[in-house]
Amino acid sequence: ARAQQFLLRKRPDGPQNNQRPMISRIYVEPGGLFDGATLAALNLRKRLRISVLGVLREDEWMSPPSPEALIHAGDILVVIGSKADLERCEEEQRGEGAALVS
């Protein structure tokens, strides 16, 4: 996944930096773990402490997205979470993290 991250407030770097909220865009890769899953199945808020603010698909913006929204390759998820949680989310999307648990 490719992500662009935006800090909500600028603060000096330090150990607390990994826990403050950031807004990020996650590009859904073809064949990645998120491709073909619903937001409910991904359960990002409970598993990774990531909230999906919206989904951009071609020229369509879905906000707030339905839990039953099906995610497709090429979608861009606009999410918010800590830097550490966002990094775990990206790793999982690429298949480097834990698999989804039903």
Protein backbone atom coordinates (compact mmCIF):
# COMPACT_ATOMS: atom_id res chain seq x y z
CA ALA A 1 0.00 0.00 0.00
CA ARG A 2 1.11 3.51 -0.66
CA ALA A 3 0.07 6.02 1.93
CA GLN A 4 0.39 9.72 2.41
CA GLN A 5 0.17 10.89 5.97
CA PHE A 6 -0.79 14.26 7.35
CA LEU A 7 -0.20 15.27 10.96
CA LEU A 8 -3.13 16.93 12.64
CA ARG A 9 -0.86 19.15 14.77
CA LYS A 10 2.84 19.79 14.53
CA ARG A 11 4.75 18.84 17.67
CA PRO A 12 8.37 18.08 18.40
CA ASP A 13 9.44 14.54 17.55
CA GLY A 14 9.49 12.14 20.43
CA PRO A 15 8.10 8.85 21.69
CA GLN A 16 4.57 10.27 21.86
CA ASN A 17 4.69 11.06 18.13
CA ASN A 18 3.75 7.47 17.26
CA GLN A 19 0.50 7.74 19.24
CA ARG A 20 -0.95 11.05 18.10
CA PRO A 21 -3.69 10.94 15.45
CA MET A 22 -2.75 11.27 11.79
CA ILE A 23 -4.85 11.28 8.65
CA SER A 24 -3.55 9.01 5.92
CA ARG A 25 -4.54 7.76 2.48
CA ILE A 26 -4.09 4.05 1.81
CA TYR A 27 -4.08 2.84 -1.78
CA VAL A 28 -5.68 -0.62 -2.07
CA GLU A 29 -3.31 -2.84 -4.04
CA PRO A 30 -4.65 -5.48 -6.47
CA GLY A 31 -4.67 -8.86 -4.74
CA GLY A 32 -3.92 -7.28 -1.36
CA LEU A 33 -5.72 -8.35 1.80
CA PHE A 34 -8.21 -5.46 1.55
CA ASP A 35 -9.09 -6.08 -2.14
CA GLY A 36 -12.57 -7.64 -2.27
CA ALA A 37 -13.30 -7.34 1.47
CA THR A 38 -16.01 -5.27 3.15
CA LEU A 39 -15.16 -2.68 5.78
CA ALA A 40 -17.12 -4.78 8.28
CA ALA A 41 -14.97 -7.84 7.51
CA LEU A 42 -11.77 -5.79 7.76
CA ASN A 43 -12.89 -4.53 11.19
CA LEU A 44 -10.08 -1.95 11.17
CA ARG A 45 -11.39 0.07 14.10
CA LYS A 46 -11.43 -2.83 16.55
CA ARG A 47 -8.38 -4.73 15.29
CA LEU A 48 -6.00 -1.89 14.39
CA ARG A 49 -7.59 1.24 15.97
CA ILE A 50 -7.99 2.76 12.49
CA SER A 51 -11.14 4.67 11.49
CA VAL A 52 -12.09 4.92 7.82
CA LEU A 53 -13.28 8.46 7.11
CA GLY A 54 -14.07 7.87 3.46
CA VAL A 55 -13.38 5.86 0.33
CA LEU A 56 -12.41 7.39 -3.02
CA ARG A 57 -13.21 5.18 -6.02
CA GLU A 58 -12.35 6.77 -9.36
CA ASP A 59 -14.44 9.96 -9.16
CA GLU A 60 -16.88 8.77 -6.45
CA TRP A 61 -16.42 9.82 -2.81
CA MET A 62 -18.14 7.73 -0.11
CA SER A 63 -18.22 9.36 3.31
CA PRO A 64 -19.04 7.99 5.70
CA PRO A 65 -18.63 4.61 4.05
CA SER A 66 -21.10 1.84 4.85
CA PRO A 67 -19.72 -1.10 6.85
CA GLU A 68 -20.97 -3.27 3.98
CA ALA A 69 -19.02 -1.25 1.39
CA LEU A 70 -16.94 -3.61 -0.74
CA ILE A 71 -13.35 -2.43 -1.16
CA HIS A 72 -11.74 -2.81 -4.59
CA ALA A 73 -8.21 -2.59 -5.94
CA GLY A 74 -7.50 1.03 -6.81
CA ASP A 75 -9.69 2.43 -4.04
CA ILE A 76 -8.14 5.00 -1.74
CA LEU A 77 -9.11 4.72 1.91
CA VAL A 78 -8.90 7.95 3.90
CA VAL A 79 -8.18 6.85 7.45
CA ILE A 80 -7.21 8.26 10.83
CA GLY A 81 -5.09 6.62 13.51
CA SER A 82 -1.72 6.76 15.22
CA LYS A 83 1.43 6.47 13.11
CA ALA A 84 2.17 3.03 14.55
CA ASP A 85 -1.39 1.80 13.86
CA LEU A 86 -1.32 3.20 10.31
CA GLU A 87 1.98 1.42 9.63
CA ARG A 88 0.49 -1.88 10.88
CA CYS A 89 -2.54 -1.30 8.65
CA GLU A 90 -0.34 -0.80 5.58
CA GLU A 91 1.69 -3.93 6.37
CA GLU A 92 -1.47 -5.97 6.75
CA GLN A 93 -2.92 -4.61 3.49
CA ARG A 94 0.22 -5.87 1.72
CA GLY A 95 -0.15 -9.26 3.39
CA GLU A 96 2.79 -8.76 5.75
CA GLY A 97 0.69 -8.71 8.93
CA ALA A 98 -1.87 -10.96 10.54
CA ALA A 99 -4.63 -12.42 8.41
CA LEU A 100 -8.25 -11.42 8.87
CA VAL A 101 -10.09 -13.27 11.60
CA SER A 102 -13.79 -13.89 10.95
